[in-house]
Amino acid sequence: ADPRICDEYGNTALAIATSYERGVNIISPIITAAREQIMHILGQNVITDPSVSSSPNLVPDGRDSDIIGEAMSQFINSRSLGGKTALLSAITIDCSDGDLTDV
């Protein structure tokens, strides 16, 4: 499954995970799955020219790490229909519970 898909409220799996106490245990796997999905999609654009394979911006299989990083940033910072990012939702939930020690 693609963790970048949104529900009817515009929330990604990452945003939903931050709203549950136990969600902390699945945040890293969601981010990993999103990165793998992005790399899979970008696989169609893999650079195979050996002359560019030594470029510092390419990951070992030839994909541009800047493109992957930008796509990951868009995923992590995507906003729900209410305009909140997953991080903002997590902080809002912590503050509403009165627990400001971790913020």
N, C-alpha and C. Protein backbone atom coordinates (compact mmCIF):
# COMPACT_ATOMS: atom_id res chain seq x y z
N ALA A 1 0.84 -1.18 0.00
CA ALA A 1 0.00 0.00 0.00
C ALA A 1 0.88 1.24 0.00
N ASP A 2 0.39 2.27 -0.62
CA ASP A 2 1.14 3.52 -0.72
C ASP A 2 0.77 4.41 0.47
N PRO A 3 1.71 4.66 1.39
CA PRO A 3 1.41 5.46 2.58
C PRO A 3 1.17 6.93 2.28
N ARG A 4 1.38 7.33 1.03
CA ARG A 4 1.18 8.73 0.66
C ARG A 4 -0.27 9.02 0.29
N ILE A 5 -1.09 7.98 0.16
CA ILE A 5 -2.50 8.17 -0.19
C ILE A 5 -3.23 8.79 0.99
N CYS A 6 -4.12 9.73 0.70
CA CYS A 6 -4.85 10.44 1.75
C CYS A 6 -6.26 9.87 1.93
N ASP A 7 -6.78 10.05 3.15
CA ASP A 7 -8.16 9.67 3.40
C ASP A 7 -9.08 10.81 2.94
N GLU A 8 -10.37 10.71 3.22
CA GLU A 8 -11.32 11.73 2.75
C GLU A 8 -11.12 13.10 3.40
N TYR A 9 -10.30 13.15 4.46
CA TYR A 9 -10.01 14.42 5.13
C TYR A 9 -8.65 14.98 4.74
N GLY A 10 -7.97 14.29 3.83
CA GLY A 10 -6.65 14.74 3.39
C GLY A 10 -5.52 14.29 4.28
N ASN A 11 -5.78 13.38 5.21
CA ASN A 11 -4.75 12.89 6.12
C ASN A 11 -4.00 11.71 5.51
N THR A 12 -2.68 11.74 5.60
CA THR A 12 -1.88 10.60 5.19
C THR A 12 -1.78 9.63 6.36
N ALA A 13 -1.22 8.45 6.11
CA ALA A 13 -1.02 7.48 7.18
C ALA A 13 -0.14 8.07 8.28
N LEU A 14 0.82 8.91 7.90
CA LEU A 14 1.70 9.54 8.88
C LEU A 14 0.90 10.46 9.81
N ALA A 15 0.01 11.25 9.24
CA ALA A 15 -0.81 12.15 10.06
C ALA A 15 -1.72 11.37 11.00
N ILE A 16 -2.29 10.30 10.51
CA ILE A 16 -3.17 9.48 11.34
C ILE A 16 -2.39 8.82 12.47
N ALA A 17 -1.19 8.33 12.16
CA ALA A 17 -0.36 7.67 13.18
C ALA A 17 -0.01 8.62 14.32
N THR A 18 0.20 9.91 14.01
CA THR A 18 0.56 10.86 15.06
C THR A 18 -0.59 11.14 16.00
N SER A 19 -1.81 10.80 15.61
CA SER A 19 -2.95 11.09 16.47
C SER A 19 -3.23 9.98 17.49
N TYR A 20 -2.48 8.90 17.43
CA TYR A 20 -2.65 7.80 18.36
C TYR A 20 -1.39 7.60 19.18
N GLU A 21 -1.55 7.34 20.45
CA GLU A 21 -0.40 7.14 21.34
C GLU A 21 0.51 6.04 20.82
N ARG A 22 -0.05 4.95 20.37
CA ARG A 22 0.76 3.84 19.87
C ARG A 22 1.27 4.10 18.46
N GLY A 23 0.83 5.17 17.84
CA GLY A 23 1.26 5.50 16.50
C GLY A 23 2.75 5.76 16.39
N VAL A 24 3.37 6.14 17.51
CA VAL A 24 4.81 6.38 17.52
C VAL A 24 5.58 5.16 17.03
N ASN A 25 5.07 3.99 17.32
CA ASN A 25 5.75 2.75 16.92
C ASN A 25 5.70 2.49 15.42
N ILE A 26 4.79 3.15 14.72
CA ILE A 26 4.69 2.89 13.28
C ILE A 26 5.11 4.07 12.41
N ILE A 27 5.51 5.17 13.01
CA ILE A 27 5.92 6.33 12.23
C ILE A 27 7.13 6.02 11.37
N SER A 28 8.15 5.42 11.94
CA SER A 28 9.35 5.10 11.17
C SER A 28 9.05 4.14 10.02
N PRO A 29 8.29 3.05 10.24
CA PRO A 29 7.95 2.19 9.10
C PRO A 29 7.14 2.90 8.01
N ILE A 30 6.28 3.84 8.40
CA ILE A 30 5.51 4.59 7.40
C ILE A 30 6.45 5.44 6.55
N ILE A 31 7.39 6.13 7.20
CA ILE A 31 8.35 6.95 6.47
C ILE A 31 9.21 6.09 5.56
N THR A 32 9.65 4.93 6.07
CA THR A 32 10.45 4.01 5.26
C THR A 32 9.65 3.53 4.05
N ALA A 33 8.40 3.17 4.27
CA ALA A 33 7.55 2.69 3.16
C ALA A 33 7.32 3.79 2.13
N ALA A 34 7.14 5.02 2.59
CA ALA A 34 6.95 6.14 1.66
C ALA A 34 8.20 6.35 0.82
N ARG A 35 9.37 6.28 1.46
CA ARG A 35 10.63 6.45 0.72
C ARG A 35 10.81 5.34 -0.31
N GLU A 36 10.49 4.11 0.07
CA GLU A 36 10.59 2.99 -0.87
C GLU A 36 9.63 3.17 -2.04
N GLN A 37 8.42 3.65 -1.75
CA GLN A 37 7.44 3.88 -2.82
C GLN A 37 7.93 4.98 -3.76
N ILE A 38 8.48 6.04 -3.21
CA ILE A 38 9.01 7.13 -4.03
C ILE A 38 10.16 6.62 -4.89
N MET A 39 11.05 5.84 -4.30
CA MET A 39 12.18 5.31 -5.06
C MET A 39 11.69 4.35 -6.15
N HIS A 40 10.64 3.59 -5.85
CA HIS A 40 10.08 2.68 -6.85
C HIS A 40 9.52 3.46 -8.04
N ILE A 41 8.78 4.52 -7.74
CA ILE A 41 8.20 5.36 -8.79
C ILE A 41 9.30 6.02 -9.61
N LEU A 42 10.34 6.49 -8.93
CA LEU A 42 11.45 7.13 -9.64
C LEU A 42 12.31 6.13 -10.40
N GLY A 43 12.12 4.85 -10.14
CA GLY A 43 12.89 3.81 -10.80
C GLY A 43 12.80 3.86 -12.31
N GLN A 44 11.73 4.43 -12.81
CA GLN A 44 11.58 4.58 -14.25
C GLN A 44 12.59 5.56 -14.81
N ASN A 45 13.11 6.43 -13.95
CA ASN A 45 14.02 7.48 -14.40
C ASN A 45 15.45 7.24 -13.95
N VAL A 46 15.80 6.00 -13.66
CA VAL A 46 17.15 5.68 -13.19
C VAL A 46 18.17 6.04 -14.27
N ILE A 47 19.23 6.72 -13.83
CA ILE A 47 20.30 7.09 -14.74
C ILE A 47 21.23 5.89 -14.88
N THR A 48 21.43 5.43 -16.10
CA THR A 48 22.26 4.25 -16.30
C THR A 48 23.59 4.59 -16.97
N ASP A 49 23.80 5.83 -17.33
CA ASP A 49 25.05 6.24 -17.97
C ASP A 49 26.19 6.13 -16.97
N PRO A 50 27.21 5.29 -17.23
CA PRO A 50 28.30 5.10 -16.27
C PRO A 50 29.10 6.37 -16.00
N SER A 51 29.07 7.33 -16.91
CA SER A 51 29.83 8.56 -16.71
C SER A 51 29.26 9.42 -15.60
N VAL A 52 27.99 9.24 -15.25
CA VAL A 52 27.39 10.03 -14.18
C VAL A 52 27.22 9.24 -12.90
N SER A 53 27.61 7.99 -12.90
CA SER A 53 27.37 7.15 -11.72
C SER A 53 28.24 7.55 -10.53
N SER A 54 29.26 8.36 -10.76
CA SER A 54 30.10 8.79 -9.65
C SER A 54 29.62 10.09 -9.02
N SER A 55 28.50 10.62 -9.49
CA SER A 55 27.97 11.87 -8.96
C SER A 55 27.59 11.70 -7.50
N PRO A 56 27.97 12.67 -6.63
CA PRO A 56 27.65 12.55 -5.20
C PRO A 56 26.16 12.64 -4.89
N ASN A 57 25.34 13.12 -5.83
CA ASN A 57 23.90 13.24 -5.59
C ASN A 57 23.13 11.99 -5.94
N LEU A 58 23.81 10.98 -6.48
CA LEU A 58 23.11 9.77 -6.87
C LEU A 58 23.22 8.72 -5.79
N VAL A 59 22.11 8.08 -5.49
CA VAL A 59 22.14 6.94 -4.58
C VAL A 59 22.71 5.77 -5.37
N PRO A 60 23.15 4.69 -4.71
CA PRO A 60 23.87 3.61 -5.40
C PRO A 60 23.20 3.07 -6.66
N ASP A 61 21.87 3.10 -6.73
CA ASP A 61 21.22 2.56 -7.93
C ASP A 61 21.00 3.62 -9.00
N GLY A 62 21.55 4.81 -8.82
CA GLY A 62 21.50 5.83 -9.86
C GLY A 62 20.43 6.88 -9.69
N ARG A 63 19.59 6.77 -8.69
CA ARG A 63 18.54 7.77 -8.52
C ARG A 63 19.09 8.99 -7.80
N ASP A 64 18.61 10.14 -8.13
CA ASP A 64 19.08 11.40 -7.59
C ASP A 64 18.55 11.58 -6.17
N SER A 65 19.46 11.70 -5.20
CA SER A 65 19.04 11.82 -3.79
C SER A 65 18.32 13.14 -3.53
N ASP A 66 18.61 14.18 -4.32
CA ASP A 66 17.91 15.46 -4.15
C ASP A 66 16.43 15.32 -4.52
N ILE A 67 16.15 14.58 -5.59
CA ILE A 67 14.77 14.36 -6.00
C ILE A 67 14.03 13.53 -4.95
N ILE A 68 14.69 12.52 -4.44
CA ILE A 68 14.09 11.67 -3.40
C ILE A 68 13.83 12.50 -2.14
N GLY A 69 14.81 13.31 -1.76
CA GLY A 69 14.66 14.17 -0.58
C GLY A 69 13.52 15.15 -0.72
N GLU A 70 13.38 15.75 -1.90
CA GLU A 70 12.29 16.70 -2.15
C GLU A 70 10.93 16.00 -2.08
N ALA A 71 10.84 14.82 -2.66
CA ALA A 71 9.58 14.06 -2.61
C ALA A 71 9.24 13.66 -1.18
N MET A 72 10.25 13.28 -0.40
CA MET A 72 10.02 12.93 1.01
C MET A 72 9.57 14.15 1.80
N SER A 73 10.18 15.29 1.53
CA SER A 73 9.79 16.52 2.21
C SER A 73 8.33 16.87 1.91
N GLN A 74 7.93 16.71 0.66
CA GLN A 74 6.54 16.97 0.30
C GLN A 74 5.60 16.01 1.03
N PHE A 75 6.00 14.73 1.14
CA PHE A 75 5.17 13.76 1.85
C PHE A 75 5.05 14.12 3.33
N ILE A 76 6.18 14.36 3.97
CA ILE A 76 6.19 14.63 5.41
C ILE A 76 5.46 15.93 5.74
N ASN A 77 5.57 16.93 4.86
CA ASN A 77 4.97 18.23 5.12
C ASN A 77 3.61 18.42 4.44
N SER A 78 3.04 17.35 3.91
CA SER A 78 1.73 17.48 3.26
C SER A 78 0.69 17.89 4.30
N ARG A 79 -0.28 18.65 3.85
CA ARG A 79 -1.29 19.19 4.75
C ARG A 79 -2.64 18.50 4.53
N SER A 80 -3.36 18.35 5.61
CA SER A 80 -4.71 17.81 5.54
C SER A 80 -5.63 18.88 4.94
N LEU A 81 -6.88 18.54 4.72
CA LEU A 81 -7.83 19.54 4.22
C LEU A 81 -8.00 20.68 5.21
N GLY A 82 -7.72 20.40 6.49
CA GLY A 82 -7.78 21.44 7.52
C GLY A 82 -6.52 22.29 7.59
N GLY A 83 -5.53 21.98 6.75
CA GLY A 83 -4.31 22.78 6.69
C GLY A 83 -3.21 22.36 7.64
N LYS A 84 -3.39 21.25 8.36
CA LYS A 84 -2.38 20.81 9.33
C LYS A 84 -1.44 19.77 8.74
N THR A 85 -0.16 19.89 9.11
CA THR A 85 0.80 18.84 8.78
C THR A 85 0.73 17.78 9.87
N ALA A 86 1.36 16.63 9.64
CA ALA A 86 1.36 15.57 10.64
C ALA A 86 2.03 16.05 11.93
N LEU A 87 3.12 16.80 11.81
CA LEU A 87 3.82 17.31 12.99
C LEU A 87 2.94 18.28 13.76
N LEU A 88 2.27 19.18 13.07
CA LEU A 88 1.39 20.12 13.75
C LEU A 88 0.26 19.39 14.45
N SER A 89 -0.28 18.36 13.82
CA SER A 89 -1.33 17.56 14.47
C SER A 89 -0.81 16.90 15.73
N ALA A 90 0.39 16.36 15.68
CA ALA A 90 0.98 15.69 16.85
C ALA A 90 1.18 16.68 17.99
N ILE A 91 1.67 17.87 17.68
CA ILE A 91 1.90 18.88 18.72
C ILE A 91 0.58 19.36 19.28
N THR A 92 -0.41 19.56 18.44
CA THR A 92 -1.73 20.01 18.88
C THR A 92 -2.35 18.99 19.83
N ILE A 93 -2.22 17.72 19.51
CA ILE A 93 -2.76 16.66 20.37
C ILE A 93 -2.05 16.66 21.72
N ASP A 94 -0.69 16.80 21.72
CA ASP A 94 0.05 16.86 22.98
C ASP A 94 -0.38 18.05 23.82
N CYS A 95 -0.55 19.20 23.20
CA CYS A 95 -0.92 20.40 23.95
C CYS A 95 -2.34 20.29 24.49
N SER A 96 -3.24 19.69 23.74
CA SER A 96 -4.62 19.58 24.21
C SER A 96 -4.73 18.62 25.39
N ASP A 97 -3.78 17.70 25.51
CA ASP A 97 -3.77 16.79 26.64
C ASP A 97 -3.10 17.42 27.86
N GLY A 98 -2.56 18.63 27.69
CA GLY A 98 -1.90 19.30 28.78
C GLY A 98 -0.48 18.84 29.00
N ASP A 99 0.06 18.03 28.11
CA ASP A 99 1.42 17.52 28.25
C ASP A 99 2.36 18.32 27.36
N LEU A 100 2.97 19.33 27.94
CA LEU A 100 3.88 20.19 27.18
C LEU A 100 5.34 19.82 27.42
N THR A 101 5.60 18.79 28.18
CA THR A 101 6.98 18.44 28.52
C THR A 101 7.77 17.95 27.32
N ASP A 102 7.11 17.32 26.35
CA ASP A 102 7.82 16.78 25.19
C ASP A 102 7.81 17.72 24.00
N VAL A 103 7.15 18.85 24.11
CA VAL A 103 7.03 19.77 22.97
C VAL A 103 8.18 20.73 22.96
